[in-house]
Amino acid sequence: MAKQKRGGRRTDVGELPTTAGGFADALLAAAHDTARAGDSARRLAPGFDLPGELAQGADLAGQQLIGRACRAGWLPEDLRQAASRRVDEFAVSYVLDTLAAYAGQFAAGTVHPEWRDQLAETGAVRWWTDTGPHLAQWAAKHLLTPAEAVTAVLEALGLLTTLPPVTVVLPPPGTATRQRPASHHAVDEKKLGRVRALLAKAESSSFPEEAEALSAKAQELMTRHALDRVLVEAGAAVPDAPASRRLWLDTPYLDAKSLLAHVVAKANRCQAVFEPRWGFVTVVGDEADLDAVALLTTSLLVQATRAMIAGGQDDRGRRSREFRQSFLVSYATRIGERLEKAAETTLAGSPDPARLLPVLASHEKRVATTFATLFPEVVTKSVTVRSHDGWGEGRAAADRARLHS
């Protein structure tokens, strides 16, 4: 009879447990071998009725793992993104329900407002009643048999067991949080709205030159707004500390797309690091600059992908992985050069560049110090380019941007 050791105790996985704790241990043990999730589920839920102890055990196991993930820095959006990439829709749903149940334990004042916002945006809300176990109601909602429901539970738990600690962007639920006072350089929603409008128009344009000119104008507005802020910051006794944010990238070509995020971050006075295993970039910088990076990176990825596909329509070789990877790397490299030039031009045209330079230098130092503290062991990695045509067309597409219009 197979046995597995967990937490200093030996859990018998060959016999059906009889208590909620026993089921929790059995589920946690089986979650480490998701390739056999179906077999384990059929053993744990062999009939047409879902044992109440099994449902309670699933709750216990889920709360243990989701709590560990949240304390390790994972946010609601991170959990949704990770789940949607690794498990099926049923397991994603179970992860979000488990997250909603976990967050519901804490008083509103001990959950950061942005954490609560992400919870709502991901759809992690409590919908089930207290009349019965969650798992039974969840299985009925999705029309799943007990074995199918437990299979999804095991896949969800299996995902949660693999989540490593990540940078703490927001304090986890239950942490006594002091509400951040209004920033002396808070985001100007009116200007941010203009930037969003420009980028939305760029994404909808069928003309690459127009799209890139609109993106350039958005960068110009963001840079001007940032320079206004740093001048205000120069008179503040205690400037705001740099913050961090995660940007999730869609497959494929993650290395190339992360390079685009990096150059946009650099042009907006931020620093970025890529986590290739999970597919996200963490950006460190001023809160308002992080908004700019997120907006522009998302828009440019849409535009770059469209330009890449349009550039390879007539030639099968240009639709190859090598062509598209090279195209995106070249596009990102050239866009980075032009964004940097646009930022320099905007700085030179500011009313008081001599006063701005030391303030920007101080800002850069704070960002670099925070980045080094969060990521003391960053490794620089090059991105391989194997298509000359892809490189040339990517650079040409980026060169069409009228950054000084």
Protein backbone atom coordinates (compact mmCIF):
# COMPACT_ATOMS: atom_id res chain seq x y z
CA MET A 1 0.00 0.00 0.00
CA ALA A 2 1.50 3.35 -1.07
CA LYS A 3 2.18 5.90 1.59
CA GLN A 4 3.50 9.46 1.40
CA LYS A 5 5.11 11.51 4.12
CA ARG A 6 3.80 15.06 4.64
CA GLY A 7 4.45 17.55 7.42
CA GLY A 8 6.08 14.96 9.70
CA ARG A 9 3.10 12.56 9.47
CA ARG A 10 2.54 9.59 7.20
CA THR A 11 -0.63 9.92 5.17
CA ASP A 12 -2.21 6.75 3.87
CA VAL A 13 -3.24 7.41 0.27
CA GLY A 14 -4.40 3.88 -0.39
CA GLU A 15 -7.44 3.95 1.92
CA LEU A 16 -10.41 6.31 1.83
CA PRO A 17 -10.14 8.88 4.64
CA THR A 18 -13.02 9.34 7.07
CA THR A 19 -12.40 12.87 8.40
CA ALA A 20 -12.04 16.31 6.85
CA GLY A 21 -8.43 16.48 8.01
CA GLY A 22 -7.72 13.08 6.50
CA PHE A 23 -9.21 14.14 3.18
CA ALA A 24 -7.21 17.38 3.28
CA ASP A 25 -3.98 15.45 3.77
CA ALA A 26 -4.90 13.02 0.99
CA LEU A 27 -5.73 15.87 -1.40
CA LEU A 28 -2.50 17.69 -0.61
CA ALA A 29 -0.50 14.52 -1.16
CA ALA A 30 -2.25 13.72 -4.44
CA ALA A 31 -1.85 17.33 -5.67
CA HIS A 32 1.88 16.71 -6.08
CA ASP A 33 1.15 14.23 -8.88
CA THR A 34 -1.41 15.99 -11.09
CA ALA A 35 -0.65 13.59 -13.95
CA ARG A 36 -2.67 11.04 -11.97
CA ALA A 37 -5.30 13.52 -10.75
CA GLY A 38 -8.12 11.60 -12.43
CA ASP A 39 -7.15 8.31 -10.79
CA SER A 40 -6.76 9.95 -7.38
CA ALA A 41 -10.11 11.70 -7.76
CA ARG A 42 -11.94 8.50 -8.65
CA ARG A 43 -10.44 6.83 -5.58
CA LEU A 44 -11.38 9.69 -3.26
CA ALA A 45 -14.86 10.20 -4.72
CA PRO A 46 -15.85 6.76 -6.10
CA GLY A 47 -19.64 7.18 -6.04
CA PHE A 48 -22.31 9.59 -7.16
CA ASP A 49 -22.42 11.43 -3.85
CA LEU A 50 -19.78 13.86 -2.67
CA PRO A 51 -18.85 13.09 0.96
CA GLY A 52 -19.24 16.11 3.24
CA GLU A 53 -15.86 15.37 4.83
CA LEU A 54 -14.24 15.44 1.39
CA ALA A 55 -15.77 18.85 0.64
CA GLN A 56 -14.55 20.16 3.98
CA GLY A 57 -11.12 18.67 3.38
CA ALA A 58 -10.94 20.44 0.01
CA ASP A 59 -11.70 23.73 1.78
CA LEU A 60 -8.98 23.08 4.36
CA ALA A 61 -6.37 22.19 1.74
CA GLY A 62 -7.31 25.10 -0.51
CA GLN A 63 -7.19 27.67 2.29
CA GLN A 64 -3.79 26.40 3.40
CA LEU A 65 -2.25 26.75 -0.06
CA ILE A 66 -3.97 29.96 -1.14
CA GLY A 67 -2.97 31.61 2.13
CA ARG A 68 0.63 30.60 1.59
CA ALA A 69 0.57 32.00 -1.96
CA CYS A 70 -0.91 35.35 -0.86
CA ARG A 71 1.62 35.71 1.94
CA ALA A 72 4.34 34.92 -0.61
CA GLY A 73 3.35 37.96 -2.69
CA TRP A 74 0.84 36.59 -5.20
CA LEU A 75 -1.99 38.99 -6.00
CA PRO A 76 -5.48 38.10 -7.29
CA GLU A 77 -4.57 39.01 -10.87
CA ASP A 78 -1.34 36.99 -10.60
CA LEU A 79 -3.27 33.95 -9.44
CA ARG A 80 -5.81 34.31 -12.26
CA GLN A 81 -3.07 34.71 -14.85
CA ALA A 82 -1.04 31.78 -13.55
CA ALA A 83 -4.08 29.52 -13.36
CA SER A 84 -5.37 30.42 -16.81
CA ARG A 85 -1.99 29.45 -18.29
CA ARG A 86 -1.48 26.17 -16.44
CA VAL A 87 -4.86 24.54 -15.73
CA ASP A 88 -8.31 24.23 -17.34
CA GLU A 89 -11.30 26.52 -16.82
CA PHE A 90 -12.75 24.42 -14.00
CA ALA A 91 -9.53 24.54 -11.99
CA VAL A 92 -9.26 28.29 -12.68
CA SER A 93 -12.77 28.74 -11.30
CA TYR A 94 -11.92 26.73 -8.20
CA VAL A 95 -8.76 28.79 -7.58
CA LEU A 96 -10.75 32.02 -7.74
CA ASP A 97 -13.45 30.69 -5.41
CA THR A 98 -10.78 29.57 -2.97
CA LEU A 99 -9.25 33.04 -3.17
CA ALA A 100 -12.62 34.69 -2.51
CA ALA A 101 -13.17 32.49 0.54
CA TYR A 102 -9.70 33.27 1.85
CA ALA A 103 -10.05 37.05 1.43
CA GLY A 104 -13.47 36.97 3.09
CA GLN A 105 -11.89 36.03 6.41
CA PHE A 106 -10.31 39.45 6.87
CA ALA A 107 -11.77 42.75 7.96
CA ALA A 108 -11.97 45.28 5.12
CA GLY A 109 -9.56 47.60 6.90
CA THR A 110 -6.81 44.98 6.84
CA VAL A 111 -6.98 44.39 3.07
CA HIS A 112 -5.23 46.91 0.82
CA PRO A 113 -7.71 48.79 -1.42
CA GLU A 114 -5.82 47.84 -4.59
CA TRP A 115 -5.82 44.20 -3.47
CA ARG A 116 -9.61 44.38 -3.06
CA ASP A 117 -9.94 46.02 -6.48
CA GLN A 118 -8.01 43.18 -8.09
CA LEU A 119 -10.18 40.67 -6.27
CA ALA A 120 -13.29 42.18 -7.84
CA GLU A 121 -11.71 42.56 -11.28
CA THR A 122 -10.74 38.89 -11.41
CA GLY A 123 -14.26 37.81 -10.48
CA ALA A 124 -13.16 36.24 -7.20
CA VAL A 125 -16.37 36.89 -5.29
CA ARG A 126 -18.35 34.74 -2.88
CA TRP A 127 -21.49 33.47 -4.64
CA TRP A 128 -22.25 30.28 -2.69
CA THR A 129 -24.45 30.03 0.40
CA ASP A 130 -23.85 28.66 3.88
CA THR A 131 -26.49 25.97 3.44
CA GLY A 132 -23.93 23.39 2.35
CA PRO A 133 -20.25 22.81 1.53
CA HIS A 134 -18.79 25.01 -1.19
CA LEU A 135 -17.44 22.09 -3.23
CA ALA A 136 -20.87 20.49 -3.59
CA GLN A 137 -22.43 23.78 -4.74
CA TRP A 138 -19.50 24.46 -7.05
CA ALA A 139 -19.74 20.99 -8.65
CA ALA A 140 -23.49 21.46 -9.19
CA LYS A 141 -22.92 24.90 -10.73
CA HIS A 142 -20.51 23.42 -13.29
CA LEU A 143 -22.49 20.18 -13.80
CA LEU A 144 -19.56 18.01 -12.65
CA THR A 145 -19.63 14.55 -11.14
CA PRO A 146 -17.87 14.15 -7.77
CA ALA A 147 -14.82 12.60 -9.48
CA GLU A 148 -14.67 15.37 -12.07
CA ALA A 149 -14.97 18.02 -9.37
CA VAL A 150 -12.21 16.47 -7.29
CA THR A 151 -10.00 16.23 -10.40
CA ALA A 152 -10.35 20.00 -10.86
CA VAL A 153 -9.61 20.52 -7.17
CA LEU A 154 -6.42 18.47 -7.43
CA GLU A 155 -5.28 20.40 -10.51
CA ALA A 156 -5.96 23.69 -8.71
CA LEU A 157 -4.10 22.54 -5.60
CA GLY A 158 -1.29 21.21 -7.77
CA LEU A 159 -0.85 24.64 -9.32
CA LEU A 160 -0.83 26.34 -5.92
CA THR A 161 1.89 24.00 -4.65
CA THR A 162 4.21 25.19 -7.46
CA LEU A 163 3.94 28.94 -6.81
CA PRO A 164 7.28 30.35 -5.62
CA PRO A 165 7.66 33.50 -3.52
CA VAL A 166 7.48 36.66 -5.65
CA THR A 167 8.13 40.33 -5.02
CA VAL A 168 5.60 41.73 -2.56
CA VAL A 169 3.87 44.45 -4.56
CA LEU A 170 0.99 44.93 -2.12
CA PRO A 171 0.68 43.78 1.51
CA PRO A 172 -1.21 40.48 1.86
CA PRO A 173 -4.70 40.34 3.37
CA GLY A 174 -4.82 40.53 7.12
CA THR A 175 -1.90 42.92 7.31
CA ALA A 176 -2.76 46.06 9.22
CA THR A 177 -2.34 48.62 6.47
CA ARG A 178 -2.00 52.32 6.94
CA GLN A 179 -3.80 54.00 4.07
CA ARG A 180 -1.31 55.83 1.91
CA PRO A 181 -1.80 59.60 2.11
CA ALA A 182 -2.62 61.47 -1.06
CA SER A 183 0.55 61.62 -3.10
CA HIS A 184 2.04 65.02 -3.78
CA HIS A 185 2.39 63.90 -7.40
CA ALA A 186 -0.74 61.84 -7.76
CA VAL A 187 -1.89 60.71 -11.18
CA ASP A 188 -3.65 63.40 -13.20
CA GLU A 189 -6.66 61.43 -14.41
CA LYS A 190 -7.45 64.00 -17.10
CA LYS A 191 -4.00 63.69 -18.66
CA LEU A 192 -4.05 59.91 -18.23
CA GLY A 193 -7.39 59.88 -20.02
CA ARG A 194 -5.84 61.73 -22.97
CA VAL A 195 -3.04 59.17 -23.09
CA ARG A 196 -5.53 56.29 -23.03
CA ALA A 197 -7.51 57.91 -25.84
CA LEU A 198 -4.41 58.31 -28.00
CA LEU A 199 -3.35 54.72 -27.45
CA ALA A 200 -6.85 53.38 -28.11
CA LYS A 201 -6.91 55.26 -31.40
CA ALA A 202 -3.45 53.91 -32.24
CA GLU A 203 -4.55 50.33 -31.58
CA SER A 204 -7.63 50.73 -33.78
CA SER A 205 -5.80 52.38 -36.68
CA SER A 206 -5.15 50.31 -39.80
CA PHE A 207 -2.29 52.64 -40.80
CA PRO A 208 1.04 51.80 -39.08
CA GLU A 209 2.43 55.33 -39.49
CA GLU A 210 -0.62 56.86 -37.83
CA ALA A 211 -0.58 54.31 -35.01
CA GLU A 212 3.07 54.92 -34.25
CA ALA A 213 2.69 58.71 -34.39
CA LEU A 214 -0.19 58.49 -31.92
CA SER A 215 1.91 56.30 -29.62
CA ALA A 216 4.73 58.82 -29.84
CA LYS A 217 2.37 61.61 -28.90
CA ALA A 218 1.20 59.55 -25.91
CA GLN A 219 4.82 59.12 -24.80
CA GLU A 220 5.39 62.85 -25.17
CA LEU A 221 2.40 63.63 -22.95
CA MET A 222 3.49 61.12 -20.34
CA THR A 223 7.02 62.53 -20.27
CA ARG A 224 5.79 66.10 -19.92
CA HIS A 225 3.47 65.06 -17.10
CA ALA A 226 6.33 63.22 -15.39
CA LEU A 227 8.62 66.25 -15.60
CA ASP A 228 5.91 68.42 -14.05
CA ARG A 229 5.64 65.93 -11.20
CA VAL A 230 9.34 65.75 -10.46
CA LEU A 231 9.53 69.52 -10.20
CA VAL A 232 6.76 69.42 -7.60
CA GLU A 233 8.61 66.56 -5.91
CA ALA A 234 11.73 68.68 -5.64
CA GLY A 235 9.98 70.79 -3.02
CA ALA A 236 8.68 67.87 -0.98
CA ALA A 237 10.32 67.06 2.33
CA VAL A 238 9.93 63.28 1.85
CA PRO A 239 9.42 62.09 -1.74
CA ASP A 240 7.27 59.04 -2.34
CA ALA A 241 9.17 55.76 -2.29
CA PRO A 242 9.28 53.82 -5.59
CA ALA A 243 6.61 51.15 -6.02
CA SER A 244 6.50 47.98 -8.12
CA ARG A 245 4.00 46.33 -10.45
CA ARG A 246 3.74 43.10 -12.43
CA LEU A 247 2.88 43.07 -16.12
CA TRP A 248 1.81 39.68 -17.52
CA LEU A 249 2.80 38.89 -21.11
CA ASP A 250 1.01 36.60 -23.53
CA THR A 251 2.82 33.76 -25.26
CA PRO A 252 4.55 33.22 -27.62
CA TYR A 253 7.82 35.19 -27.97
CA LEU A 254 7.99 36.08 -24.29
CA ASP A 255 11.68 37.05 -24.42
CA ALA A 256 11.08 39.55 -27.21
CA LYS A 257 7.96 40.96 -25.58
CA SER A 258 9.77 41.36 -22.28
CA LEU A 259 12.42 43.39 -24.11
CA LEU A 260 9.71 45.77 -25.31
CA ALA A 261 8.45 46.15 -21.73
CA HIS A 262 12.03 46.81 -20.61
CA VAL A 263 12.68 49.62 -23.11
CA VAL A 264 9.35 51.29 -22.33
CA ALA A 265 10.18 51.09 -18.61
CA LYS A 266 13.61 52.60 -19.17
CA ALA A 267 12.19 55.47 -21.23
CA ASN A 268 9.80 56.23 -18.37
CA ARG A 269 12.44 56.29 -15.61
CA CYS A 270 11.69 52.77 -14.35
CA GLN A 271 13.58 49.48 -14.16
CA ALA A 272 12.19 46.08 -15.12
CA VAL A 273 13.05 42.41 -14.65
CA PHE A 274 11.54 39.41 -16.47
CA GLU A 275 10.42 36.14 -14.87
CA PRO A 276 10.52 33.68 -17.81
CA ARG A 277 9.03 30.69 -15.98
CA TRP A 278 5.72 32.47 -15.37
CA GLY A 279 5.77 35.08 -18.11
CA PHE A 280 5.59 38.37 -16.21
CA VAL A 281 7.72 41.49 -15.95
CA THR A 282 8.10 43.33 -12.63
CA VAL A 283 8.57 47.08 -13.06
CA VAL A 284 9.91 49.37 -10.34
CA GLY A 285 9.37 53.13 -10.37
CA ASP A 286 7.13 56.00 -9.43
CA GLU A 287 3.42 55.07 -9.20
CA ALA A 288 2.42 57.38 -12.04
CA ASP A 289 5.33 56.21 -14.18
CA LEU A 290 4.18 52.62 -13.63
CA ASP A 291 0.78 53.60 -15.03
CA ALA A 292 2.50 55.03 -18.09
CA VAL A 293 4.61 51.91 -18.58
CA ALA A 294 1.61 49.60 -18.30
CA LEU A 295 -0.45 51.65 -20.76
CA LEU A 296 2.26 52.10 -23.37
CA THR A 297 3.61 48.54 -23.16
CA THR A 298 0.15 47.04 -23.62
CA SER A 299 -0.58 49.28 -26.60
CA LEU A 300 2.79 48.76 -28.28
CA LEU A 301 2.50 44.98 -27.93
CA VAL A 302 -0.82 45.14 -29.78
CA GLN A 303 0.66 47.34 -32.49
CA ALA A 304 3.89 45.34 -32.80
CA THR A 305 1.98 42.08 -33.18
CA ARG A 306 -0.24 43.57 -35.88
CA ALA A 307 2.76 45.00 -37.76
CA MET A 308 4.60 41.66 -37.47
CA ILE A 309 1.68 39.71 -38.91
CA ALA A 310 1.15 42.23 -41.71
CA GLY A 311 4.84 42.10 -42.57
CA GLY A 312 4.77 38.33 -43.02
CA GLN A 313 1.58 37.79 -44.99
CA ASP A 314 3.13 37.14 -48.40
CA ASP A 315 5.96 34.81 -47.54
CA ARG A 316 5.73 31.57 -45.57
CA GLY A 317 9.28 32.07 -44.30
CA ARG A 318 8.22 35.37 -42.79
CA ARG A 319 5.57 33.59 -40.78
CA SER A 320 8.19 31.38 -39.15
CA ARG A 321 9.02 31.55 -35.47
CA GLU A 322 12.53 32.83 -36.28
CA PHE A 323 11.16 35.70 -38.38
CA ARG A 324 8.62 36.79 -35.80
CA GLN A 325 10.99 36.53 -32.85
CA SER A 326 13.58 38.60 -34.74
CA PHE A 327 10.95 41.10 -35.85
CA LEU A 328 9.78 41.72 -32.28
CA VAL A 329 13.33 41.99 -30.90
CA SER A 330 14.26 44.50 -33.60
CA TYR A 331 11.02 46.43 -33.13
CA ALA A 332 11.57 46.64 -29.38
CA THR A 333 15.20 47.72 -29.77
CA ARG A 334 14.39 50.51 -32.20
CA ILE A 335 11.31 51.67 -30.27
CA GLY A 336 13.52 51.89 -27.19
CA GLU A 337 16.00 54.10 -29.00
CA ARG A 338 13.28 56.41 -30.24
CA LEU A 339 11.44 56.61 -26.93
CA GLU A 340 14.68 57.57 -25.22
CA LYS A 341 15.28 60.24 -27.86
CA ALA A 342 11.73 61.55 -27.44
CA ALA A 343 12.21 61.79 -23.67
CA GLU A 344 15.50 63.65 -24.12
CA THR A 345 13.90 66.09 -26.56
CA THR A 346 11.02 66.75 -24.19
CA LEU A 347 13.45 67.34 -21.33
CA ALA A 348 15.53 69.75 -23.42
CA GLY A 349 12.39 71.68 -24.32
CA SER A 350 11.19 72.01 -20.74
CA PRO A 351 11.12 75.49 -19.13
CA ASP A 352 13.82 74.65 -16.57
CA PRO A 353 16.03 71.71 -17.69
CA ALA A 354 18.91 72.75 -15.40
CA ARG A 355 16.66 72.39 -12.37
CA LEU A 356 15.19 69.13 -13.62
CA LEU A 357 18.45 67.26 -14.12
CA PRO A 358 19.48 66.89 -10.43
CA VAL A 359 15.89 66.01 -9.47
CA LEU A 360 15.78 63.31 -12.15
CA ALA A 361 19.17 62.02 -11.00
CA SER A 362 17.88 61.73 -7.42
CA HIS A 363 14.75 59.96 -8.67
CA GLU A 364 16.86 57.54 -10.71
CA LYS A 365 18.99 56.75 -7.67
CA ARG A 366 15.93 55.97 -5.52
CA VAL A 367 14.53 53.66 -8.20
CA ALA A 368 17.88 51.90 -8.65
CA THR A 369 18.27 51.41 -4.89
CA THR A 370 14.77 49.96 -4.54
CA PHE A 371 15.29 47.72 -7.55
CA ALA A 372 18.58 46.39 -6.18
CA THR A 373 16.93 45.68 -2.83
CA LEU A 374 14.06 43.76 -4.43
CA PHE A 375 16.21 41.95 -7.00
CA PRO A 376 19.75 41.55 -5.67
CA GLU A 377 20.66 38.73 -8.05
CA VAL A 378 19.38 39.79 -11.48
CA VAL A 379 21.07 38.05 -14.42
CA THR A 380 21.32 39.80 -17.77
CA LYS A 381 20.28 37.60 -20.69
CA SER A 382 20.55 38.27 -24.42
CA VAL A 383 17.77 37.51 -26.91
CA THR A 384 18.80 35.51 -29.97
CA VAL A 385 18.00 36.82 -33.46
CA ARG A 386 18.08 34.27 -36.28
CA SER A 387 16.26 36.04 -39.12
CA HIS A 388 17.91 38.88 -41.01
CA ASP A 389 14.63 39.70 -42.76
CA GLY A 390 12.77 39.73 -39.47
CA TRP A 391 15.32 42.11 -37.94
CA GLY A 392 15.19 44.46 -40.93
CA GLU A 393 11.41 44.59 -41.13
CA GLY A 394 11.04 45.02 -37.40
CA ARG A 395 13.41 47.98 -37.43
CA ALA A 396 11.65 49.48 -40.44
CA ALA A 397 8.29 49.18 -38.69
CA ALA A 398 9.69 50.96 -35.63
CA ASP A 399 11.35 53.62 -37.80
CA ARG A 400 7.96 54.64 -39.17
CA ALA A 401 7.14 56.17 -35.80
CA ARG A 402 7.14 59.98 -36.02
CA LEU A 403 8.37 60.56 -32.50
CA HIS A 404 8.97 64.29 -32.97
CA SER A 405 5.67 65.13 -34.62
